[in-house]
Amino acid sequence: MKRLEDIRLYGILDLGYVRPSEIVHVTASLVEGGIDILQLRAKGFIPDDVKWFAQDIHPVTSAAGVPLIINDFPGVAADIGAEGVHVGQGDAKVNDVRRLAGYRMVVGKSTHTLEEAVAAAEEDTDYLGFGPLFATATKPEAAPVGTQDLRKLHELVKKPIFCIGGIKLENLASVIDAGAQRVVIVSGILQADDIEGYCRQVKKMLDAGR
């Protein structure tokens, strides 16, 4: 499996954009395009459904050495042998997630301010999400935090930080210039006509900005 330190492009298989019948095909396209890590986000589905989705896509991610992260459901992650769990600010505590999912699990946490990021880094987290940087249809209720704090954030927090929220090819250069080292892209990738090609362009820009 790829190490967190080497991961640059974080993809999310969001069932708000992808129909259940398409998840294996889309996962294969994401992997072929060069996604380094993949989160399964299935808001509104029951745990049994999420487990079914995860069981379908995990063989695809495993074969490519791409860690599979389950959003919100540590029990599902444990049941299918996923590589990690991601939680939000209002979800279970990191220690509780590890107790439920297993202590070898990668655990990531969403943060929205410098204060939240520093606090999450002091927990037993493996990586942080930070954002939304820009307005995003994925979470329309969330206020954008902008890019002005990215350099300071990377000075304060030494764990891997994945910037998220409204990031697309069109604004990726400005995000990298502001100090981002790793990014999450959701709708830009999932709504692209050529998912593989889109991912490759993102990876090329991230590598050039390293």
N, C-alpha and C. Protein backbone atom coordinates (compact mmCIF):
# COMPACT_ATOMS: atom_id res chain seq x y z
N MET A 1 0.82 -1.20 0.00
CA MET A 1 0.00 0.00 0.00
C MET A 1 0.86 1.26 0.00
N LYS A 2 0.38 2.27 -0.67
CA LYS A 2 1.10 3.55 -0.68
C LYS A 2 1.14 4.13 0.73
N ARG A 3 2.26 4.77 1.04
CA ARG A 3 2.40 5.41 2.34
C ARG A 3 1.79 6.80 2.31
N LEU A 4 1.26 7.24 3.44
CA LEU A 4 0.65 8.57 3.50
C LEU A 4 1.63 9.66 3.07
N GLU A 5 2.89 9.49 3.43
CA GLU A 5 3.89 10.50 3.10
C GLU A 5 4.05 10.68 1.59
N ASP A 6 3.72 9.64 0.83
CA ASP A 6 3.90 9.69 -0.62
C ASP A 6 2.62 10.05 -1.37
N ILE A 7 1.54 10.23 -0.63
CA ILE A 7 0.24 10.46 -1.26
C ILE A 7 0.02 11.95 -1.50
N ARG A 8 -0.38 12.27 -2.74
CA ARG A 8 -0.59 13.66 -3.12
C ARG A 8 -2.04 13.94 -3.53
N LEU A 9 -2.63 12.99 -4.28
CA LEU A 9 -3.98 13.20 -4.79
C LEU A 9 -4.96 12.24 -4.11
N TYR A 10 -5.88 12.81 -3.38
CA TYR A 10 -6.88 12.09 -2.59
C TYR A 10 -8.20 12.16 -3.35
N GLY A 11 -8.71 11.01 -3.75
CA GLY A 11 -9.99 10.97 -4.43
C GLY A 11 -11.11 10.53 -3.50
N ILE A 12 -12.31 10.96 -3.81
CA ILE A 12 -13.48 10.54 -3.04
C ILE A 12 -14.52 9.98 -3.99
N LEU A 13 -14.90 8.74 -3.76
CA LEU A 13 -16.01 8.13 -4.49
C LEU A 13 -17.28 8.50 -3.75
N ASP A 14 -17.90 9.59 -4.18
CA ASP A 14 -19.04 10.18 -3.49
C ASP A 14 -20.32 9.70 -4.16
N LEU A 15 -21.16 8.99 -3.40
CA LEU A 15 -22.40 8.46 -3.95
C LEU A 15 -23.43 9.55 -4.22
N GLY A 16 -23.08 10.79 -3.90
CA GLY A 16 -23.91 11.92 -4.32
C GLY A 16 -23.70 12.24 -5.79
N TYR A 17 -22.60 11.77 -6.36
CA TYR A 17 -22.27 12.00 -7.76
C TYR A 17 -22.27 10.72 -8.59
N VAL A 18 -22.08 9.59 -7.95
CA VAL A 18 -21.91 8.32 -8.66
C VAL A 18 -23.02 7.36 -8.26
N ARG A 19 -23.70 6.78 -9.24
CA ARG A 19 -24.74 5.79 -8.95
C ARG A 19 -24.10 4.49 -8.46
N PRO A 20 -24.79 3.79 -7.55
CA PRO A 20 -24.23 2.53 -7.05
C PRO A 20 -23.83 1.56 -8.16
N SER A 21 -24.58 1.55 -9.26
CA SER A 21 -24.26 0.63 -10.36
C SER A 21 -22.96 0.98 -11.07
N GLU A 22 -22.44 2.18 -10.82
CA GLU A 22 -21.24 2.65 -11.52
C GLU A 22 -19.98 2.62 -10.67
N ILE A 23 -20.10 2.20 -9.40
CA ILE A 23 -18.98 2.42 -8.49
C ILE A 23 -17.72 1.65 -8.88
N VAL A 24 -17.86 0.43 -9.38
CA VAL A 24 -16.67 -0.34 -9.74
C VAL A 24 -15.99 0.27 -10.95
N HIS A 25 -16.77 0.66 -11.95
CA HIS A 25 -16.21 1.28 -13.16
C HIS A 25 -15.51 2.59 -12.81
N VAL A 26 -16.16 3.42 -12.01
CA VAL A 26 -15.56 4.71 -11.66
C VAL A 26 -14.31 4.51 -10.81
N THR A 27 -14.36 3.58 -9.88
CA THR A 27 -13.17 3.28 -9.07
C THR A 27 -12.00 2.87 -9.95
N ALA A 28 -12.26 2.02 -10.92
CA ALA A 28 -11.20 1.59 -11.84
C ALA A 28 -10.62 2.78 -12.60
N SER A 29 -11.47 3.70 -13.03
CA SER A 29 -10.99 4.89 -13.74
C SER A 29 -10.15 5.78 -12.84
N LEU A 30 -10.56 5.93 -11.60
CA LEU A 30 -9.79 6.74 -10.64
C LEU A 30 -8.42 6.12 -10.40
N VAL A 31 -8.39 4.82 -10.23
CA VAL A 31 -7.12 4.13 -9.99
C VAL A 31 -6.22 4.23 -11.21
N GLU A 32 -6.78 4.02 -12.40
CA GLU A 32 -5.99 4.11 -13.63
C GLU A 32 -5.45 5.53 -13.83
N GLY A 33 -6.21 6.51 -13.38
CA GLY A 33 -5.78 7.90 -13.53
C GLY A 33 -4.68 8.31 -12.57
N GLY A 34 -4.47 7.52 -11.51
CA GLY A 34 -3.37 7.81 -10.60
C GLY A 34 -3.77 8.31 -9.23
N ILE A 35 -5.04 8.13 -8.86
CA ILE A 35 -5.44 8.47 -7.49
C ILE A 35 -4.54 7.72 -6.51
N ASP A 36 -4.07 8.42 -5.49
CA ASP A 36 -3.16 7.81 -4.51
C ASP A 36 -3.88 7.15 -3.34
N ILE A 37 -5.06 7.64 -3.04
CA ILE A 37 -5.86 7.13 -1.93
C ILE A 37 -7.31 7.41 -2.29
N LEU A 38 -8.23 6.56 -1.83
CA LEU A 38 -9.64 6.74 -2.21
C LEU A 38 -10.53 6.58 -1.00
N GLN A 39 -11.42 7.57 -0.82
CA GLN A 39 -12.42 7.50 0.24
C GLN A 39 -13.78 7.15 -0.35
N LEU A 40 -14.47 6.25 0.31
CA LEU A 40 -15.85 5.94 -0.03
C LEU A 40 -16.75 6.78 0.86
N ARG A 41 -17.50 7.68 0.24
CA ARG A 41 -18.43 8.54 0.98
C ARG A 41 -19.84 8.21 0.50
N ALA A 42 -20.65 7.67 1.38
CA ALA A 42 -22.01 7.25 1.01
C ALA A 42 -23.00 7.81 2.01
N LYS A 43 -23.16 9.12 2.01
CA LYS A 43 -24.08 9.78 2.92
C LYS A 43 -25.52 9.34 2.63
N GLY A 44 -26.27 9.05 3.69
CA GLY A 44 -27.66 8.68 3.52
C GLY A 44 -27.89 7.20 3.33
N PHE A 45 -26.83 6.43 3.21
CA PHE A 45 -26.96 4.98 3.08
C PHE A 45 -26.74 4.30 4.43
N ILE A 46 -27.39 3.16 4.62
CA ILE A 46 -27.24 2.42 5.86
C ILE A 46 -25.91 1.66 5.85
N PRO A 47 -25.40 1.27 7.02
CA PRO A 47 -24.10 0.58 7.07
C PRO A 47 -24.02 -0.66 6.19
N ASP A 48 -25.10 -1.43 6.10
CA ASP A 48 -25.06 -2.63 5.26
C ASP A 48 -24.83 -2.29 3.79
N ASP A 49 -25.43 -1.19 3.33
CA ASP A 49 -25.21 -0.76 1.95
C ASP A 49 -23.77 -0.31 1.75
N VAL A 50 -23.25 0.45 2.71
CA VAL A 50 -21.88 0.93 2.61
C VAL A 50 -20.91 -0.25 2.59
N LYS A 51 -21.20 -1.25 3.39
CA LYS A 51 -20.36 -2.46 3.39
C LYS A 51 -20.38 -3.14 2.03
N TRP A 52 -21.54 -3.22 1.44
CA TRP A 52 -21.67 -3.83 0.11
C TRP A 52 -20.87 -3.05 -0.93
N PHE A 53 -21.00 -1.72 -0.89
CA PHE A 53 -20.22 -0.89 -1.83
C PHE A 53 -18.73 -1.12 -1.63
N ALA A 54 -18.31 -1.09 -0.38
CA ALA A 54 -16.89 -1.22 -0.06
C ALA A 54 -16.34 -2.58 -0.51
N GLN A 55 -17.12 -3.63 -0.31
CA GLN A 55 -16.68 -4.95 -0.74
C GLN A 55 -16.51 -5.04 -2.25
N ASP A 56 -17.31 -4.29 -2.98
CA ASP A 56 -17.21 -4.29 -4.44
C ASP A 56 -15.96 -3.56 -4.94
N ILE A 57 -15.59 -2.48 -4.29
CA ILE A 57 -14.48 -1.66 -4.81
C ILE A 57 -13.14 -1.98 -4.18
N HIS A 58 -13.14 -2.61 -3.01
CA HIS A 58 -11.87 -2.85 -2.33
C HIS A 58 -10.91 -3.72 -3.14
N PRO A 59 -11.37 -4.76 -3.85
CA PRO A 59 -10.43 -5.51 -4.68
C PRO A 59 -9.74 -4.66 -5.74
N VAL A 60 -10.44 -3.65 -6.25
CA VAL A 60 -9.86 -2.77 -7.28
C VAL A 60 -8.77 -1.89 -6.68
N THR A 61 -9.06 -1.29 -5.53
CA THR A 61 -8.06 -0.42 -4.89
C THR A 61 -6.89 -1.23 -4.36
N SER A 62 -7.16 -2.39 -3.79
CA SER A 62 -6.09 -3.21 -3.23
C SER A 62 -5.09 -3.64 -4.30
N ALA A 63 -5.61 -4.04 -5.46
CA ALA A 63 -4.74 -4.51 -6.53
C ALA A 63 -3.78 -3.42 -7.00
N ALA A 64 -4.18 -2.16 -6.81
CA ALA A 64 -3.34 -1.03 -7.23
C ALA A 64 -2.51 -0.45 -6.10
N GLY A 65 -2.64 -1.01 -4.89
CA GLY A 65 -1.91 -0.47 -3.75
C GLY A 65 -2.46 0.85 -3.27
N VAL A 66 -3.72 1.12 -3.57
CA VAL A 66 -4.37 2.38 -3.18
C VAL A 66 -5.18 2.15 -1.90
N PRO A 67 -4.85 2.81 -0.81
CA PRO A 67 -5.62 2.63 0.43
C PRO A 67 -7.07 3.05 0.25
N LEU A 68 -7.97 2.25 0.82
CA LEU A 68 -9.39 2.58 0.81
C LEU A 68 -9.79 3.09 2.18
N ILE A 69 -10.37 4.28 2.20
CA ILE A 69 -10.81 4.92 3.43
C ILE A 69 -12.33 4.95 3.44
N ILE A 70 -12.93 4.56 4.55
CA ILE A 70 -14.38 4.57 4.69
C ILE A 70 -14.80 5.80 5.49
N ASN A 71 -15.68 6.59 4.93
CA ASN A 71 -16.17 7.78 5.62
C ASN A 71 -17.24 7.38 6.63
N ASP A 72 -17.03 7.76 7.89
CA ASP A 72 -18.06 7.68 8.94
C ASP A 72 -18.30 6.32 9.58
N PHE A 73 -17.93 5.21 8.95
CA PHE A 73 -18.35 3.90 9.44
C PHE A 73 -17.15 3.03 9.81
N PRO A 74 -16.59 3.19 11.01
CA PRO A 74 -15.43 2.38 11.40
C PRO A 74 -15.73 0.89 11.44
N GLY A 75 -16.98 0.53 11.79
CA GLY A 75 -17.33 -0.89 11.81
C GLY A 75 -17.27 -1.51 10.44
N VAL A 76 -17.71 -0.78 9.43
CA VAL A 76 -17.64 -1.27 8.05
C VAL A 76 -16.18 -1.42 7.63
N ALA A 77 -15.36 -0.45 7.97
CA ALA A 77 -13.94 -0.52 7.62
C ALA A 77 -13.30 -1.78 8.21
N ALA A 78 -13.64 -2.07 9.46
CA ALA A 78 -13.09 -3.26 10.11
C ALA A 78 -13.61 -4.53 9.45
N ASP A 79 -14.89 -4.56 9.11
CA ASP A 79 -15.50 -5.76 8.55
C ASP A 79 -14.91 -6.14 7.20
N ILE A 80 -14.59 -5.16 6.37
CA ILE A 80 -14.12 -5.48 5.02
C ILE A 80 -12.59 -5.38 4.89
N GLY A 81 -11.93 -5.02 5.98
CA GLY A 81 -10.48 -4.92 5.93
C GLY A 81 -9.96 -3.72 5.18
N ALA A 82 -10.72 -2.63 5.20
CA ALA A 82 -10.27 -1.38 4.56
C ALA A 82 -9.03 -0.86 5.29
N GLU A 83 -8.37 0.08 4.64
CA GLU A 83 -7.12 0.61 5.21
C GLU A 83 -7.34 1.76 6.18
N GLY A 84 -8.53 2.37 6.16
CA GLY A 84 -8.70 3.50 7.05
C GLY A 84 -10.12 4.00 7.17
N VAL A 85 -10.28 5.02 8.02
CA VAL A 85 -11.56 5.65 8.32
C VAL A 85 -11.36 7.16 8.32
N HIS A 86 -12.37 7.89 7.86
CA HIS A 86 -12.33 9.35 7.93
C HIS A 86 -13.54 9.83 8.71
N VAL A 87 -13.31 10.79 9.61
CA VAL A 87 -14.40 11.33 10.43
C VAL A 87 -14.40 12.85 10.35
N GLY A 88 -15.57 13.43 10.63
CA GLY A 88 -15.72 14.87 10.67
C GLY A 88 -15.62 15.40 12.09
N GLN A 89 -15.78 16.70 12.22
CA GLN A 89 -15.68 17.33 13.53
C GLN A 89 -16.77 16.84 14.49
N GLY A 90 -17.95 16.54 13.96
CA GLY A 90 -19.04 16.13 14.82
C GLY A 90 -19.21 14.63 14.94
N ASP A 91 -18.26 13.87 14.38
CA ASP A 91 -18.36 12.41 14.41
C ASP A 91 -17.65 11.84 15.64
N ALA A 92 -17.46 10.53 15.63
CA ALA A 92 -16.83 9.85 16.77
C ALA A 92 -15.41 10.37 17.00
N LYS A 93 -14.97 10.31 18.25
CA LYS A 93 -13.61 10.67 18.60
C LYS A 93 -12.63 9.69 17.97
N VAL A 94 -11.43 10.18 17.70
CA VAL A 94 -10.42 9.36 17.02
C VAL A 94 -10.11 8.10 17.82
N ASN A 95 -9.98 8.23 19.13
CA ASN A 95 -9.70 7.04 19.95
C ASN A 95 -10.82 6.01 19.88
N ASP A 96 -12.07 6.50 19.81
CA ASP A 96 -13.20 5.59 19.69
C ASP A 96 -13.20 4.91 18.33
N VAL A 97 -12.82 5.66 17.29
CA VAL A 97 -12.73 5.07 15.95
C VAL A 97 -11.70 3.95 15.93
N ARG A 98 -10.56 4.19 16.54
CA ARG A 98 -9.52 3.16 16.56
C ARG A 98 -9.98 1.93 17.36
N ARG A 99 -10.72 2.16 18.42
CA ARG A 99 -11.22 1.04 19.21
C ARG A 99 -12.20 0.20 18.39
N LEU A 100 -13.01 0.85 17.57
CA LEU A 100 -14.00 0.13 16.78
C LEU A 100 -13.41 -0.48 15.52
N ALA A 101 -12.49 0.23 14.89
CA ALA A 101 -11.99 -0.20 13.58
C ALA A 101 -10.69 -0.99 13.67
N GLY A 102 -9.96 -0.82 14.76
CA GLY A 102 -8.67 -1.49 14.87
C GLY A 102 -7.54 -0.47 14.90
N TYR A 103 -6.52 -0.77 15.65
CA TYR A 103 -5.47 0.22 15.89
C TYR A 103 -4.46 0.33 14.76
N ARG A 104 -4.60 -0.53 13.75
CA ARG A 104 -3.73 -0.40 12.58
C ARG A 104 -4.36 0.46 11.49
N MET A 105 -5.59 0.88 11.71
CA MET A 105 -6.30 1.69 10.72
C MET A 105 -5.67 3.08 10.60
N VAL A 106 -5.65 3.59 9.37
CA VAL A 106 -5.37 5.00 9.15
C VAL A 106 -6.63 5.78 9.53
N VAL A 107 -6.47 6.83 10.30
CA VAL A 107 -7.62 7.65 10.69
C VAL A 107 -7.36 9.10 10.31
N GLY A 108 -8.25 9.65 9.51
CA GLY A 108 -8.17 11.05 9.12
C GLY A 108 -9.34 11.84 9.68
N LYS A 109 -9.15 13.14 9.79
CA LYS A 109 -10.21 13.99 10.37
C LYS A 109 -10.33 15.29 9.61
N SER A 110 -11.57 15.73 9.38
CA SER A 110 -11.82 17.00 8.72
C SER A 110 -11.63 18.16 9.69
N THR A 111 -11.01 19.23 9.18
CA THR A 111 -10.85 20.45 9.97
C THR A 111 -11.17 21.65 9.09
N HIS A 112 -11.57 22.76 9.75
CA HIS A 112 -12.06 23.91 9.00
C HIS A 112 -11.38 25.22 9.42
N THR A 113 -10.59 25.18 10.48
CA THR A 113 -9.86 26.35 10.95
C THR A 113 -8.46 25.92 11.40
N LEU A 114 -7.58 26.89 11.57
CA LEU A 114 -6.25 26.57 12.08
C LEU A 114 -6.35 25.93 13.46
N GLU A 115 -7.26 26.44 14.28
CA GLU A 115 -7.40 25.91 15.64
C GLU A 115 -7.86 24.45 15.62
N GLU A 116 -8.82 24.15 14.77
CA GLU A 116 -9.28 22.77 14.66
C GLU A 116 -8.17 21.86 14.13
N ALA A 117 -7.40 22.36 13.18
CA ALA A 117 -6.32 21.55 12.61
C ALA A 117 -5.25 21.24 13.66
N VAL A 118 -4.87 22.23 14.43
CA VAL A 118 -3.87 22.00 15.47
C VAL A 118 -4.39 21.02 16.52
N ALA A 119 -5.65 21.19 16.90
CA ALA A 119 -6.25 20.29 17.89
C ALA A 119 -6.33 18.86 17.35
N ALA A 120 -6.71 18.70 16.09
CA ALA A 120 -6.81 17.37 15.49
C ALA A 120 -5.44 16.72 15.36
N ALA A 121 -4.42 17.53 15.07
CA ALA A 121 -3.06 17.00 14.95
C ALA A 121 -2.56 16.46 16.29
N GLU A 122 -3.05 17.04 17.38
CA GLU A 122 -2.64 16.58 18.71
C GLU A 122 -3.37 15.30 19.13
N GLU A 123 -4.46 14.97 18.41
CA GLU A 123 -5.12 13.68 18.63
C GLU A 123 -4.29 12.60 17.91
N ASP A 124 -4.79 11.39 17.99
CA ASP A 124 -4.08 10.27 17.37
C ASP A 124 -4.49 10.12 15.90
N THR A 125 -4.50 11.24 15.18
CA THR A 125 -4.85 11.22 13.76
C THR A 125 -3.61 10.92 12.92
N ASP A 126 -3.84 10.37 11.74
CA ASP A 126 -2.75 10.11 10.81
C ASP A 126 -2.64 11.20 9.75
N TYR A 127 -3.78 11.82 9.41
CA TYR A 127 -3.77 12.91 8.44
C TYR A 127 -4.97 13.81 8.71
N LEU A 128 -4.93 15.01 8.12
CA LEU A 128 -6.02 15.96 8.27
C LEU A 128 -6.56 16.36 6.90
N GLY A 129 -7.87 16.60 6.85
CA GLY A 129 -8.45 17.33 5.73
C GLY A 129 -8.65 18.77 6.18
N PHE A 130 -8.45 19.73 5.26
CA PHE A 130 -8.60 21.13 5.64
C PHE A 130 -9.37 21.85 4.55
N GLY A 131 -10.48 22.50 4.97
CA GLY A 131 -11.28 23.24 4.00
C GLY A 131 -12.71 23.43 4.51
N PRO A 132 -13.62 23.80 3.63
CA PRO A 132 -13.44 23.95 2.18
C PRO A 132 -12.71 25.24 1.83
N LEU A 133 -11.75 25.13 0.92
CA LEU A 133 -11.04 26.34 0.50
C LEU A 133 -11.95 27.27 -0.27
N PHE A 134 -12.80 26.69 -1.12
CA PHE A 134 -13.72 27.46 -1.96
C PHE A 134 -15.13 26.93 -1.77
N ALA A 135 -16.11 27.67 -2.26
CA ALA A 135 -17.49 27.20 -2.23
C ALA A 135 -17.58 25.90 -3.03
N THR A 136 -18.37 24.96 -2.53
CA THR A 136 -18.46 23.66 -3.17
C THR A 136 -19.87 23.11 -3.10
N ALA A 137 -20.33 22.53 -4.21
CA ALA A 137 -21.65 21.92 -4.24
C ALA A 137 -21.70 20.65 -3.41
N THR A 138 -20.53 20.06 -3.13
CA THR A 138 -20.50 18.84 -2.32
C THR A 138 -20.98 19.13 -0.90
N LYS A 139 -20.60 20.31 -0.38
CA LYS A 139 -21.07 20.73 0.94
C LYS A 139 -21.48 22.20 0.86
N PRO A 140 -22.65 22.47 0.28
CA PRO A 140 -23.05 23.86 0.01
C PRO A 140 -23.26 24.70 1.26
N GLU A 141 -23.47 24.05 2.40
CA GLU A 141 -23.71 24.80 3.64
C GLU A 141 -22.42 25.29 4.29
N ALA A 142 -21.28 24.80 3.83
CA ALA A 142 -20.00 25.12 4.47
C ALA A 142 -19.42 26.42 3.93
N ALA A 143 -19.00 27.30 4.82
CA ALA A 143 -18.41 28.57 4.41
C ALA A 143 -16.96 28.36 3.97
N PRO A 144 -16.56 28.92 2.83
CA PRO A 144 -15.17 28.77 2.36
C PRO A 144 -14.19 29.42 3.34
N VAL A 145 -13.04 28.78 3.51
CA VAL A 145 -12.03 29.31 4.42
C VAL A 145 -10.91 30.03 3.67
N GLY A 146 -10.84 29.86 2.35
CA GLY A 146 -9.81 30.52 1.57
C GLY A 146 -8.47 29.83 1.67
N THR A 147 -7.47 30.43 1.02
CA THR A 147 -6.14 29.82 0.95
C THR A 147 -5.09 30.59 1.76
N GLN A 148 -5.49 31.67 2.41
CA GLN A 148 -4.51 32.56 3.04
C GLN A 148 -3.75 31.93 4.21
N ASP A 149 -4.32 30.87 4.82
CA ASP A 149 -3.68 30.27 5.99
C ASP A 149 -2.89 29.01 5.68
N LEU A 150 -2.77 28.64 4.42
CA LEU A 150 -2.18 27.34 4.10
C LEU A 150 -0.71 27.23 4.50
N ARG A 151 0.06 28.27 4.26
CA ARG A 151 1.48 28.19 4.63
C ARG A 151 1.65 28.11 6.14
N LYS A 152 0.89 28.91 6.86
CA LYS A 152 0.97 28.86 8.32
C LYS A 152 0.51 27.50 8.83
N LEU A 153 -0.54 26.96 8.21
CA LEU A 153 -1.04 25.65 8.60
C LEU A 153 0.05 24.58 8.48
N HIS A 154 0.79 24.61 7.39
CA HIS A 154 1.84 23.60 7.19
C HIS A 154 3.03 23.82 8.11
N GLU A 155 3.19 25.04 8.62
CA GLU A 155 4.23 25.29 9.62
C GLU A 155 3.81 24.74 10.99
N LEU A 156 2.52 24.85 11.30
CA LEU A 156 2.02 24.44 12.61
C LEU A 156 1.79 22.94 12.71
N VAL A 157 1.41 22.33 11.60
CA VAL A 157 1.03 20.90 11.60
C VAL A 157 1.95 20.13 10.68
N LYS A 158 2.59 19.11 11.20
CA LYS A 158 3.56 18.34 10.42
C LYS A 158 2.98 17.04 9.86
N LYS A 159 1.77 16.72 10.23
CA LYS A 159 1.13 15.54 9.64
C LYS A 159 0.65 15.88 8.23
N PRO A 160 0.43 14.86 7.38
CA PRO A 160 -0.08 15.14 6.03
C PRO A 160 -1.41 15.90 6.07
N ILE A 161 -1.49 16.95 5.28
CA ILE A 161 -2.69 17.79 5.23
C ILE A 161 -3.21 17.77 3.80
N PHE A 162 -4.48 17.41 3.65
CA PHE A 162 -5.12 17.36 2.34
C PHE A 162 -6.12 18.50 2.23
N CYS A 163 -5.83 19.45 1.36
CA CYS A 163 -6.71 20.60 1.16
C CYS A 163 -7.90 20.16 0.31
N ILE A 164 -9.08 20.65 0.67
CA ILE A 164 -10.32 20.17 0.05
C ILE A 164 -11.31 21.32 -0.11
N GLY A 165 -12.24 21.15 -1.03
CA GLY A 165 -13.34 22.09 -1.14
C GLY A 165 -13.28 22.99 -2.35
N GLY A 166 -13.98 22.63 -3.41
CA GLY A 166 -14.05 23.47 -4.60
C GLY A 166 -12.78 23.51 -5.42
N ILE A 167 -11.85 22.61 -5.15
CA ILE A 167 -10.59 22.58 -5.91
C ILE A 167 -10.83 21.86 -7.24
N LYS A 168 -10.39 22.49 -8.31
CA LYS A 168 -10.52 21.93 -9.66
C LYS A 168 -9.25 22.28 -10.43
N LEU A 169 -9.13 21.72 -11.63
CA LEU A 169 -7.96 22.04 -12.46
C LEU A 169 -7.83 23.54 -12.68
N GLU A 170 -8.97 24.23 -12.79
CA GLU A 170 -8.95 25.66 -13.09
C GLU A 170 -8.30 26.50 -11.99
N ASN A 171 -8.38 26.06 -10.73
CA ASN A 171 -7.81 26.86 -9.64
C ASN A 171 -6.68 26.13 -8.91
N LEU A 172 -6.30 24.96 -9.41
CA LEU A 172 -5.30 24.16 -8.70
C LEU A 172 -3.96 24.88 -8.58
N ALA A 173 -3.55 25.59 -9.62
CA ALA A 173 -2.27 26.29 -9.58
C ALA A 173 -2.24 27.30 -8.44
N SER A 174 -3.34 28.01 -8.22
CA SER A 174 -3.38 29.01 -7.14
C SER A 174 -3.33 28.33 -5.77
N VAL A 175 -3.91 27.14 -5.67
CA VAL A 175 -3.89 26.39 -4.41
C VAL A 175 -2.47 25.93 -4.10
N ILE A 176 -1.78 25.42 -5.12
CA ILE A 176 -0.39 24.99 -4.94
C ILE A 176 0.49 26.19 -4.59
N ASP A 177 0.28 27.30 -5.30
CA ASP A 177 1.08 28.51 -5.04
C ASP A 177 0.86 29.03 -3.62
N ALA A 178 -0.33 28.78 -3.06
CA ALA A 178 -0.64 29.25 -1.70
C ALA A 178 -0.03 28.36 -0.64
N GLY A 179 0.55 27.22 -1.05
CA GLY A 179 1.25 26.37 -0.08
C GLY A 179 0.72 24.96 0.07
N ALA A 180 -0.33 24.60 -0.66
CA ALA A 180 -0.88 23.24 -0.56
C ALA A 180 0.11 22.23 -1.13
N GLN A 181 0.25 21.12 -0.45
CA GLN A 181 1.12 20.04 -0.91
C GLN A 181 0.31 18.82 -1.36
N ARG A 182 -0.90 18.69 -0.84
CA ARG A 182 -1.77 17.56 -1.14
C ARG A 182 -3.20 18.09 -1.29
N VAL A 183 -3.97 17.49 -2.20
CA VAL A 183 -5.32 17.99 -2.42
C VAL A 183 -6.32 16.85 -2.54
N VAL A 184 -7.57 17.19 -2.23
CA VAL A 184 -8.72 16.33 -2.47
C VAL A 184 -9.56 17.01 -3.55
N ILE A 185 -9.92 16.27 -4.57
CA ILE A 185 -10.82 16.80 -5.60
C ILE A 185 -11.98 15.82 -5.75
N VAL A 186 -13.20 16.34 -5.67
CA VAL A 186 -14.38 15.48 -5.71
C VAL A 186 -15.13 15.69 -7.01
N SER A 187 -15.94 16.75 -7.10
CA SER A 187 -16.82 16.92 -8.27
C SER A 187 -16.02 17.15 -9.55
N GLY A 188 -14.91 17.85 -9.45
CA GLY A 188 -14.11 18.10 -10.65
C GLY A 188 -13.72 16.82 -11.34
N ILE A 189 -13.33 15.83 -10.56
CA ILE A 189 -12.95 14.53 -11.11
C ILE A 189 -14.18 13.72 -11.50
N LEU A 190 -15.14 13.59 -10.59
CA LEU A 190 -16.27 12.69 -10.82
C LEU A 190 -17.19 13.16 -11.95
N GLN A 191 -17.18 14.46 -12.23
CA GLN A 191 -18.02 14.98 -13.31
C GLN A 191 -17.25 15.20 -14.61
N ALA A 192 -15.98 14.82 -14.62
CA ALA A 192 -15.17 14.99 -15.83
C ALA A 192 -15.58 13.98 -16.90
N ASP A 193 -15.50 14.39 -18.16
CA ASP A 193 -15.79 13.47 -19.26
C ASP A 193 -14.75 12.35 -19.32
N ASP A 194 -13.52 12.69 -18.94
CA ASP A 194 -12.42 11.72 -18.95
C ASP A 194 -11.79 11.72 -17.56
N ILE A 195 -12.29 10.84 -16.69
CA ILE A 195 -11.81 10.80 -15.31
C ILE A 195 -10.32 10.50 -15.25
N GLU A 196 -9.87 9.53 -16.01
CA GLU A 196 -8.44 9.15 -15.99
C GLU A 196 -7.57 10.32 -16.43
N GLY A 197 -7.94 10.96 -17.52
CA GLY A 197 -7.15 12.08 -18.01
C GLY A 197 -7.12 13.25 -17.05
N TYR A 198 -8.25 13.52 -16.40
CA TYR A 198 -8.33 14.60 -15.43
C TYR A 198 -7.38 14.34 -14.27
N CYS A 199 -7.41 13.11 -13.76
CA CYS A 199 -6.52 12.75 -12.65
C CYS A 199 -5.06 12.91 -13.06
N ARG A 200 -4.72 12.49 -14.25
CA ARG A 200 -3.33 12.59 -14.70
C ARG A 200 -2.87 14.05 -14.78
N GLN A 201 -3.77 14.93 -15.23
CA GLN A 201 -3.41 16.35 -15.29
C GLN A 201 -3.17 16.91 -13.89
N VAL A 202 -4.02 16.53 -12.95
CA VAL A 202 -3.85 16.99 -11.57
C VAL A 202 -2.52 16.50 -11.00
N LYS A 203 -2.23 15.21 -11.20
CA LYS A 203 -0.97 14.65 -10.68
C LYS A 203 0.23 15.37 -11.29
N LYS A 204 0.16 15.68 -12.56
CA LYS A 204 1.26 16.37 -13.24
C LYS A 204 1.50 17.74 -12.61
N MET A 205 0.41 18.46 -12.31
CA MET A 205 0.56 19.77 -11.69
C MET A 205 1.08 19.67 -10.27
N LEU A 206 0.61 18.68 -9.52
CA LEU A 206 1.11 18.49 -8.16
C LEU A 206 2.58 18.14 -8.17
N ASP A 207 2.99 17.28 -9.06
CA ASP A 207 4.40 16.91 -9.15
C ASP A 207 5.27 18.09 -9.54
N ALA A 208 4.77 18.92 -10.45
CA ALA A 208 5.54 20.09 -10.89
C ALA A 208 5.67 21.12 -9.77
N GLY A 209 4.67 21.17 -8.88
CA GLY A 209 4.71 22.15 -7.79
C GLY A 209 5.37 21.66 -6.54
N ARG A 210 5.88 20.42 -6.58
CA ARG A 210 6.48 19.81 -5.37
C ARG A 210 7.69 20.61 -4.92
